[in-house]
N, C-alpha and C. Protein backbone atom coordinates (compact mmCIF):
# COMPACT_ATOMS: atom_id res chain seq x y z
N UNK A 1 -11.22 49.57 119.40
CA UNK A 1 -10.36 48.70 118.62
C UNK A 1 -11.02 48.44 117.27
N UNK A 2 -10.23 48.47 116.21
CA UNK A 2 -10.73 48.19 114.87
C UNK A 2 -10.81 46.68 114.69
N UNK A 3 -12.01 46.14 114.61
CA UNK A 3 -12.18 44.70 114.50
C UNK A 3 -12.58 44.34 113.09
N UNK A 4 -11.91 43.32 112.56
CA UNK A 4 -12.25 42.84 111.22
C UNK A 4 -13.63 42.22 111.19
N UNK A 5 -14.18 42.17 110.00
CA UNK A 5 -15.50 41.59 109.81
C UNK A 5 -15.43 40.08 109.75
N UNK A 6 -16.54 39.45 110.12
CA UNK A 6 -16.67 37.99 110.04
C UNK A 6 -17.78 37.67 109.05
N UNK A 7 -17.48 36.81 108.11
CA UNK A 7 -18.48 36.34 107.15
C UNK A 7 -18.55 34.82 107.23
N UNK A 8 -19.76 34.30 107.20
CA UNK A 8 -19.98 32.86 107.21
C UNK A 8 -20.63 32.47 105.89
N UNK A 9 -20.04 31.48 105.22
CA UNK A 9 -20.63 30.91 104.01
C UNK A 9 -20.84 29.43 104.32
N UNK A 10 -22.10 29.03 104.40
CA UNK A 10 -22.40 27.66 104.81
C UNK A 10 -23.52 27.08 103.95
N UNK A 11 -23.72 25.77 104.08
CA UNK A 11 -24.84 25.12 103.42
C UNK A 11 -24.42 23.80 102.79
N UNK A 12 -25.42 23.07 102.33
CA UNK A 12 -25.18 21.75 101.75
C UNK A 12 -24.86 21.81 100.27
N UNK A 13 -25.07 22.95 99.66
CA UNK A 13 -24.80 23.09 98.24
C UNK A 13 -23.32 23.26 97.93
N UNK A 14 -22.99 23.13 96.65
CA UNK A 14 -21.61 23.33 96.18
C UNK A 14 -21.38 24.82 95.95
N UNK A 15 -20.14 25.25 96.09
CA UNK A 15 -19.79 26.62 95.76
C UNK A 15 -19.32 27.48 96.93
N UNK A 16 -19.26 26.91 98.13
CA UNK A 16 -18.82 27.69 99.29
C UNK A 16 -17.36 28.11 99.14
N UNK A 17 -16.52 27.17 98.77
CA UNK A 17 -15.10 27.48 98.57
C UNK A 17 -14.94 28.46 97.42
N UNK A 18 -15.65 28.22 96.33
CA UNK A 18 -15.54 29.10 95.16
C UNK A 18 -15.96 30.53 95.52
N UNK A 19 -17.03 30.66 96.31
CA UNK A 19 -17.47 31.99 96.72
C UNK A 19 -16.42 32.66 97.59
N UNK A 20 -15.87 31.93 98.54
CA UNK A 20 -14.85 32.49 99.43
C UNK A 20 -13.61 32.90 98.64
N UNK A 21 -13.16 32.04 97.73
CA UNK A 21 -11.98 32.37 96.92
C UNK A 21 -12.26 33.55 96.00
N UNK A 22 -13.49 33.64 95.49
CA UNK A 22 -13.87 34.79 94.68
C UNK A 22 -13.77 36.08 95.47
N UNK A 23 -14.20 36.05 96.71
CA UNK A 23 -14.08 37.22 97.58
C UNK A 23 -12.60 37.51 97.85
N UNK A 24 -11.80 36.45 97.92
CA UNK A 24 -10.36 36.63 98.06
C UNK A 24 -9.75 37.30 96.84
N UNK A 25 -10.20 36.92 95.65
CA UNK A 25 -9.71 37.55 94.41
C UNK A 25 -10.07 39.03 94.38
N UNK A 26 -11.27 39.36 94.81
CA UNK A 26 -11.67 40.77 94.86
C UNK A 26 -10.75 41.54 95.81
N UNK A 27 -10.42 40.93 96.95
CA UNK A 27 -9.51 41.57 97.90
C UNK A 27 -8.12 41.77 97.28
N UNK A 28 -7.62 40.75 96.57
CA UNK A 28 -6.32 40.86 95.91
C UNK A 28 -6.35 41.99 94.88
N UNK A 29 -7.45 42.11 94.13
CA UNK A 29 -7.58 43.18 93.14
C UNK A 29 -7.54 44.56 93.80
N UNK A 30 -7.89 44.63 95.08
CA UNK A 30 -7.86 45.88 95.84
C UNK A 30 -6.54 46.04 96.60
N UNK A 31 -5.52 45.27 96.16
CA UNK A 31 -4.19 45.34 96.77
C UNK A 31 -4.16 44.85 98.21
N UNK A 32 -5.02 43.91 98.54
CA UNK A 32 -5.06 43.34 99.89
C UNK A 32 -4.31 42.02 99.89
N UNK A 33 -3.80 41.64 101.04
CA UNK A 33 -3.13 40.35 101.22
C UNK A 33 -4.14 39.36 101.77
N UNK A 34 -4.17 38.16 101.17
CA UNK A 34 -5.14 37.13 101.54
C UNK A 34 -4.41 35.86 101.93
N UNK A 35 -4.81 35.26 103.04
CA UNK A 35 -4.32 33.95 103.45
C UNK A 35 -5.52 33.00 103.49
N UNK A 36 -5.34 31.84 102.85
CA UNK A 36 -6.38 30.81 102.84
C UNK A 36 -5.82 29.59 103.56
N UNK A 37 -6.54 29.11 104.56
CA UNK A 37 -6.19 27.86 105.23
C UNK A 37 -7.35 26.91 105.00
N UNK A 38 -7.04 25.77 104.40
CA UNK A 38 -8.09 24.80 104.09
C UNK A 38 -8.08 23.65 105.08
N UNK A 39 -9.30 23.20 105.41
CA UNK A 39 -9.50 22.10 106.34
C UNK A 39 -10.36 21.03 105.68
N UNK A 40 -10.05 19.77 105.98
CA UNK A 40 -10.88 18.63 105.55
C UNK A 40 -11.08 18.60 104.04
N UNK A 41 -10.03 18.88 103.30
CA UNK A 41 -10.10 18.89 101.84
C UNK A 41 -9.26 17.76 101.24
N UNK A 42 -9.06 16.69 102.00
CA UNK A 42 -8.19 15.59 101.57
C UNK A 42 -8.54 14.98 100.23
N UNK A 43 -9.81 14.85 99.93
CA UNK A 43 -10.23 14.21 98.69
C UNK A 43 -10.27 15.13 97.48
N UNK A 44 -9.91 16.40 97.67
CA UNK A 44 -10.00 17.37 96.58
C UNK A 44 -8.83 17.21 95.61
N UNK A 45 -9.08 17.52 94.36
CA UNK A 45 -8.07 17.39 93.31
C UNK A 45 -6.95 18.42 93.49
N UNK A 46 -5.68 17.99 93.31
CA UNK A 46 -4.55 18.90 93.52
C UNK A 46 -4.53 20.08 92.56
N UNK A 47 -5.07 19.94 91.34
CA UNK A 47 -5.04 21.06 90.39
C UNK A 47 -5.85 22.25 90.87
N UNK A 48 -6.82 22.02 91.76
CA UNK A 48 -7.58 23.14 92.32
C UNK A 48 -6.68 24.00 93.20
N UNK A 49 -5.74 23.37 93.87
CA UNK A 49 -4.79 24.09 94.72
C UNK A 49 -3.80 24.86 93.85
N UNK A 50 -3.34 24.22 92.77
CA UNK A 50 -2.33 24.83 91.90
C UNK A 50 -2.79 26.17 91.33
N UNK A 51 -4.06 26.30 91.01
CA UNK A 51 -4.59 27.55 90.46
C UNK A 51 -4.42 28.67 91.48
N UNK A 52 -4.77 28.41 92.72
CA UNK A 52 -4.65 29.43 93.77
C UNK A 52 -3.19 29.76 94.03
N UNK A 53 -2.33 28.76 93.99
CA UNK A 53 -0.90 28.98 94.27
C UNK A 53 -0.26 29.94 93.27
N UNK A 54 -0.83 30.05 92.08
CA UNK A 54 -0.30 30.99 91.08
C UNK A 54 -0.48 32.44 91.51
N UNK A 55 -1.33 32.68 92.47
CA UNK A 55 -1.60 34.04 92.93
C UNK A 55 -0.67 34.49 94.06
N UNK A 56 0.24 33.60 94.48
CA UNK A 56 1.16 33.95 95.55
C UNK A 56 2.10 35.06 95.07
N UNK A 57 2.49 35.98 95.90
CA UNK A 57 2.33 36.05 97.34
C UNK A 57 1.07 36.81 97.78
N UNK A 58 0.30 37.38 96.84
CA UNK A 58 -0.87 38.15 97.24
C UNK A 58 -1.94 37.28 97.90
N UNK A 59 -2.09 36.05 97.42
CA UNK A 59 -3.01 35.09 98.03
C UNK A 59 -2.23 33.82 98.29
N UNK A 60 -2.10 33.45 99.55
CA UNK A 60 -1.35 32.26 99.93
C UNK A 60 -2.31 31.21 100.46
N UNK A 61 -2.11 29.97 100.03
CA UNK A 61 -2.97 28.87 100.45
C UNK A 61 -2.17 27.86 101.25
N UNK A 62 -2.74 27.42 102.36
CA UNK A 62 -2.08 26.45 103.24
C UNK A 62 -3.02 25.30 103.54
N UNK A 63 -2.44 24.11 103.53
CA UNK A 63 -3.11 22.90 103.99
C UNK A 63 -2.14 22.18 104.91
N UNK A 64 -2.57 21.87 106.09
CA UNK A 64 -1.72 21.21 107.06
C UNK A 64 -1.98 19.71 107.12
N UNK A 65 -3.11 19.29 106.62
CA UNK A 65 -3.45 17.87 106.65
C UNK A 65 -2.64 17.14 105.58
N UNK A 66 -2.30 15.91 105.87
CA UNK A 66 -1.44 15.13 104.97
C UNK A 66 -2.21 14.11 104.13
N UNK A 67 -3.33 13.64 104.64
CA UNK A 67 -4.08 12.58 103.97
C UNK A 67 -4.76 13.09 102.70
N UNK A 68 -4.84 12.22 101.71
CA UNK A 68 -5.56 12.55 100.48
C UNK A 68 -6.97 11.97 100.49
N UNK A 69 -7.34 11.39 101.60
CA UNK A 69 -8.69 10.81 101.76
C UNK A 69 -9.56 11.75 102.57
N UNK A 70 -10.85 11.62 102.40
CA UNK A 70 -11.78 12.37 103.23
C UNK A 70 -11.64 11.92 104.67
N UNK A 71 -11.73 12.86 105.60
CA UNK A 71 -11.51 12.61 107.02
C UNK A 71 -12.37 11.47 107.54
N UNK A 72 -13.64 11.45 107.16
CA UNK A 72 -14.55 10.43 107.71
C UNK A 72 -14.22 9.01 107.26
N UNK A 73 -13.38 8.87 106.23
CA UNK A 73 -12.99 7.54 105.74
C UNK A 73 -11.65 7.06 106.31
N UNK A 74 -11.04 7.86 107.16
CA UNK A 74 -9.74 7.50 107.72
C UNK A 74 -9.90 6.54 108.90
N UNK A 75 -8.86 5.76 109.16
CA UNK A 75 -8.84 4.92 110.36
C UNK A 75 -8.75 5.83 111.58
N UNK A 76 -9.04 5.29 112.75
CA UNK A 76 -8.97 6.09 113.97
C UNK A 76 -7.56 6.63 114.20
N UNK A 77 -6.57 5.83 113.92
CA UNK A 77 -5.18 6.26 114.09
C UNK A 77 -4.85 7.41 113.14
N UNK A 78 -5.27 7.28 111.89
CA UNK A 78 -5.03 8.35 110.91
C UNK A 78 -5.81 9.61 111.27
N UNK A 79 -7.02 9.45 111.81
CA UNK A 79 -7.79 10.61 112.26
C UNK A 79 -7.06 11.35 113.36
N UNK A 80 -6.47 10.62 114.30
CA UNK A 80 -5.74 11.26 115.39
C UNK A 80 -4.56 12.06 114.86
N UNK A 81 -3.85 11.49 113.89
CA UNK A 81 -2.72 12.21 113.30
C UNK A 81 -3.21 13.47 112.58
N UNK A 82 -4.29 13.34 111.83
CA UNK A 82 -4.83 14.50 111.12
C UNK A 82 -5.34 15.56 112.10
N UNK A 83 -5.88 15.14 113.23
CA UNK A 83 -6.32 16.10 114.25
C UNK A 83 -5.14 16.93 114.75
N UNK A 84 -3.98 16.30 114.90
CA UNK A 84 -2.79 17.05 115.30
C UNK A 84 -2.41 18.07 114.22
N UNK A 85 -2.51 17.65 112.95
CA UNK A 85 -2.22 18.56 111.84
C UNK A 85 -3.22 19.72 111.80
N UNK A 86 -4.48 19.39 112.06
CA UNK A 86 -5.53 20.42 112.08
C UNK A 86 -5.28 21.42 113.20
N UNK A 87 -4.87 20.94 114.36
CA UNK A 87 -4.55 21.84 115.47
C UNK A 87 -3.38 22.75 115.12
N UNK A 88 -2.40 22.23 114.37
CA UNK A 88 -1.31 23.07 113.88
C UNK A 88 -1.83 24.16 112.96
N UNK A 89 -2.79 23.80 112.10
CA UNK A 89 -3.39 24.78 111.19
C UNK A 89 -4.13 25.87 111.98
N UNK A 90 -4.84 25.45 113.00
CA UNK A 90 -5.57 26.43 113.82
C UNK A 90 -4.61 27.34 114.59
N UNK A 91 -3.49 26.79 115.03
CA UNK A 91 -2.47 27.62 115.68
C UNK A 91 -1.86 28.61 114.69
N UNK A 92 -1.69 28.16 113.44
CA UNK A 92 -1.19 29.08 112.41
C UNK A 92 -2.21 30.19 112.16
N UNK A 93 -3.50 29.83 112.12
CA UNK A 93 -4.55 30.84 111.93
C UNK A 93 -4.48 31.87 113.07
N UNK A 94 -4.28 31.40 114.28
CA UNK A 94 -4.15 32.30 115.43
C UNK A 94 -2.98 33.25 115.24
N UNK A 95 -1.84 32.71 114.77
CA UNK A 95 -0.66 33.54 114.52
C UNK A 95 -0.95 34.60 113.45
N UNK A 96 -1.61 34.18 112.37
CA UNK A 96 -1.95 35.11 111.29
C UNK A 96 -2.82 36.24 111.83
N UNK A 97 -3.80 35.90 112.65
CA UNK A 97 -4.69 36.92 113.20
C UNK A 97 -3.97 37.82 114.21
N UNK A 98 -3.12 37.21 115.03
CA UNK A 98 -2.40 37.97 116.06
C UNK A 98 -1.43 38.96 115.45
N UNK A 99 -0.74 38.56 114.39
CA UNK A 99 0.29 39.42 113.78
C UNK A 99 -0.28 40.36 112.73
N UNK A 100 -1.55 40.17 112.34
CA UNK A 100 -2.12 41.01 111.28
C UNK A 100 -1.43 40.77 109.95
N UNK A 101 -1.01 39.55 109.73
CA UNK A 101 -0.24 39.15 108.55
C UNK A 101 -0.98 39.38 107.23
N UNK A 102 -2.31 39.44 107.30
CA UNK A 102 -3.08 39.62 106.08
C UNK A 102 -4.29 40.50 106.36
N UNK A 103 -4.94 40.90 105.28
CA UNK A 103 -6.16 41.70 105.38
C UNK A 103 -7.40 40.82 105.43
N UNK A 104 -7.31 39.64 104.79
CA UNK A 104 -8.42 38.70 104.75
C UNK A 104 -7.90 37.29 105.00
N UNK A 105 -8.48 36.64 105.99
CA UNK A 105 -8.15 35.24 106.29
C UNK A 105 -9.37 34.40 105.95
N UNK A 106 -9.18 33.44 105.05
CA UNK A 106 -10.26 32.53 104.67
C UNK A 106 -9.97 31.19 105.34
N UNK A 107 -10.87 30.78 106.22
CA UNK A 107 -10.76 29.48 106.89
C UNK A 107 -11.75 28.55 106.20
N UNK A 108 -11.28 27.98 105.11
CA UNK A 108 -12.12 27.19 104.21
C UNK A 108 -12.35 25.79 104.78
N UNK A 109 -13.60 25.48 105.05
CA UNK A 109 -13.93 24.17 105.59
C UNK A 109 -13.85 24.08 107.10
N UNK A 110 -13.54 25.20 107.76
CA UNK A 110 -13.36 25.18 109.21
C UNK A 110 -14.63 24.76 109.94
N UNK A 111 -15.79 25.05 109.37
CA UNK A 111 -17.04 24.67 110.04
C UNK A 111 -17.24 23.15 110.05
N UNK A 112 -16.55 22.45 109.15
CA UNK A 112 -16.56 20.99 109.15
C UNK A 112 -15.90 20.41 110.39
N UNK A 113 -15.01 21.19 111.00
CA UNK A 113 -14.37 20.73 112.24
C UNK A 113 -15.39 20.63 113.36
N UNK A 114 -16.44 21.45 113.27
CA UNK A 114 -17.52 21.37 114.25
C UNK A 114 -18.30 20.07 114.04
N UNK A 115 -18.56 19.73 112.77
CA UNK A 115 -19.27 18.48 112.44
C UNK A 115 -18.51 17.27 112.95
N UNK A 116 -17.19 17.30 112.78
CA UNK A 116 -16.35 16.16 113.16
C UNK A 116 -15.98 16.19 114.65
N UNK A 117 -16.44 17.20 115.35
CA UNK A 117 -16.19 17.37 116.78
C UNK A 117 -14.69 17.47 117.11
N UNK A 118 -13.95 18.07 116.18
CA UNK A 118 -12.53 18.33 116.39
C UNK A 118 -12.35 19.65 117.11
N UNK A 119 -13.28 20.53 116.89
CA UNK A 119 -13.23 21.90 117.39
C UNK A 119 -14.65 22.27 117.79
N UNK A 120 -14.81 23.05 118.82
CA UNK A 120 -16.13 23.47 119.28
C UNK A 120 -16.36 24.93 118.90
N UNK A 121 -17.61 25.33 118.86
CA UNK A 121 -17.94 26.71 118.51
C UNK A 121 -17.25 27.71 119.44
N UNK A 122 -17.18 27.39 120.71
CA UNK A 122 -16.54 28.28 121.67
C UNK A 122 -15.06 28.47 121.33
N UNK A 123 -14.41 27.39 120.86
CA UNK A 123 -13.01 27.47 120.44
C UNK A 123 -12.86 28.38 119.22
N UNK A 124 -13.80 28.27 118.30
CA UNK A 124 -13.77 29.10 117.10
C UNK A 124 -13.98 30.58 117.47
N UNK A 125 -14.88 30.83 118.39
CA UNK A 125 -15.12 32.20 118.84
C UNK A 125 -13.84 32.77 119.49
N UNK A 126 -13.18 31.95 120.30
CA UNK A 126 -11.92 32.40 120.93
C UNK A 126 -10.87 32.71 119.87
N UNK A 127 -10.80 31.88 118.84
CA UNK A 127 -9.85 32.12 117.76
C UNK A 127 -10.16 33.45 117.06
N UNK A 128 -11.42 33.68 116.79
CA UNK A 128 -11.83 34.91 116.10
C UNK A 128 -11.56 36.15 116.94
N UNK A 129 -11.50 36.00 118.23
CA UNK A 129 -11.20 37.13 119.11
C UNK A 129 -9.80 37.69 118.87
N UNK A 130 -8.92 36.93 118.23
CA UNK A 130 -7.55 37.38 117.97
C UNK A 130 -7.46 38.32 116.77
N UNK A 131 -8.54 38.44 116.00
CA UNK A 131 -8.47 39.30 114.82
C UNK A 131 -8.46 40.75 115.29
N UNK A 132 -7.73 41.55 114.59
CA UNK A 132 -7.72 42.98 114.88
C UNK A 132 -8.45 43.63 113.73
N UNK A 133 -7.75 44.04 112.71
CA UNK A 133 -8.40 44.60 111.54
C UNK A 133 -8.57 43.59 110.44
N UNK A 134 -8.30 42.33 110.72
CA UNK A 134 -8.36 41.28 109.70
C UNK A 134 -9.80 40.79 109.53
N UNK A 135 -10.26 40.79 108.28
CA UNK A 135 -11.56 40.20 107.96
C UNK A 135 -11.38 38.69 107.88
N UNK A 136 -12.42 37.94 108.26
CA UNK A 136 -12.34 36.48 108.26
C UNK A 136 -13.58 35.92 107.58
N UNK A 137 -13.35 34.95 106.69
CA UNK A 137 -14.44 34.19 106.06
C UNK A 137 -14.34 32.76 106.54
N UNK A 138 -15.47 32.22 107.03
CA UNK A 138 -15.56 30.83 107.49
C UNK A 138 -16.48 30.09 106.53
N UNK A 139 -16.07 28.88 106.10
CA UNK A 139 -16.95 28.10 105.23
C UNK A 139 -17.17 26.71 105.81
N UNK A 140 -18.26 26.10 105.40
CA UNK A 140 -18.58 24.72 105.78
C UNK A 140 -20.07 24.46 105.66
N UNK A 141 -20.45 23.23 105.91
CA UNK A 141 -21.86 22.84 105.78
C UNK A 141 -22.71 23.27 106.96
N UNK A 142 -22.11 23.31 108.13
CA UNK A 142 -22.83 23.56 109.38
C UNK A 142 -23.10 25.04 109.59
N UNK A 143 -24.28 25.35 110.11
CA UNK A 143 -24.56 26.72 110.53
C UNK A 143 -24.17 26.86 111.99
N UNK A 144 -23.15 27.66 112.28
CA UNK A 144 -22.67 27.80 113.67
C UNK A 144 -23.46 28.89 114.39
N UNK A 145 -24.50 28.52 115.09
CA UNK A 145 -25.41 29.51 115.68
C UNK A 145 -24.72 30.46 116.67
N UNK A 146 -23.78 29.96 117.46
CA UNK A 146 -23.09 30.84 118.42
C UNK A 146 -22.14 31.80 117.70
N UNK A 147 -21.41 31.28 116.73
CA UNK A 147 -20.48 32.12 115.95
C UNK A 147 -21.27 33.13 115.13
N UNK A 148 -22.44 32.72 114.64
CA UNK A 148 -23.26 33.60 113.81
C UNK A 148 -23.63 34.90 114.53
N UNK A 149 -23.68 34.85 115.84
CA UNK A 149 -24.00 36.06 116.61
C UNK A 149 -22.95 37.16 116.40
N UNK A 150 -21.74 36.78 116.00
CA UNK A 150 -20.65 37.73 115.80
C UNK A 150 -20.46 38.09 114.33
N UNK A 151 -21.21 37.44 113.44
CA UNK A 151 -21.01 37.61 112.00
C UNK A 151 -21.60 38.91 111.49
N UNK A 152 -20.89 39.51 110.55
CA UNK A 152 -21.38 40.70 109.87
C UNK A 152 -22.19 40.33 108.64
N UNK A 153 -21.92 39.14 108.10
CA UNK A 153 -22.61 38.69 106.89
C UNK A 153 -22.69 37.17 106.92
N UNK A 154 -23.84 36.64 106.51
CA UNK A 154 -24.04 35.19 106.46
C UNK A 154 -24.64 34.84 105.11
N UNK A 155 -24.01 33.91 104.42
CA UNK A 155 -24.49 33.43 103.12
C UNK A 155 -24.81 31.95 103.26
N UNK A 156 -25.97 31.54 102.76
CA UNK A 156 -26.36 30.13 102.77
C UNK A 156 -26.37 29.63 101.34
N UNK A 157 -25.64 28.55 101.08
CA UNK A 157 -25.58 27.95 99.76
C UNK A 157 -26.37 26.64 99.82
N UNK A 158 -27.43 26.56 99.04
CA UNK A 158 -28.25 25.36 98.99
C UNK A 158 -28.22 24.77 97.61
N UNK A 159 -28.32 23.46 97.55
CA UNK A 159 -28.38 22.76 96.28
C UNK A 159 -29.85 22.59 95.91
N UNK A 160 -30.18 22.98 94.70
CA UNK A 160 -31.54 22.82 94.20
C UNK A 160 -31.49 21.88 93.01
N UNK A 161 -32.23 20.78 93.08
CA UNK A 161 -32.21 19.81 92.00
C UNK A 161 -31.06 18.84 92.11
N UNK A 162 -30.92 18.00 91.10
CA UNK A 162 -29.89 16.95 91.10
C UNK A 162 -28.58 17.50 90.55
N UNK A 163 -27.47 16.81 90.90
CA UNK A 163 -26.14 17.17 90.38
C UNK A 163 -26.09 16.98 88.89
């Protein structure tokens, strides 16, 4: 079976999303279809999304979460609602992988779901098992040691010095 590659971009530094989107742009330039699903990006500025949306239909961006606040600042009730939205996003990712809808799937911030204990590494591995020829990029702060065993490439982004 032709299995897509898995790339992990993680670390405490800034630039994980930018690196993943840059790789998405390279794929688009090669006539590939890219789907981006973002997680835990509630506090991010909307104009960052608008730039990517201009690349549709070659690069499509999806956010299922409704809150504009960072997840950790939400009330417990709001967190539960967002968890339902996140599960919908993960189900959509499964559909994208199952149908081969794109050549590259970027799960931006998905590793943050491990930090928030919304999703476990084993669940992420099961999700990745649905890829056929689709390449997948995972981003977040956490290094997923179990998922890393399946990765073809791992990039660590560290912050050096002050902002």
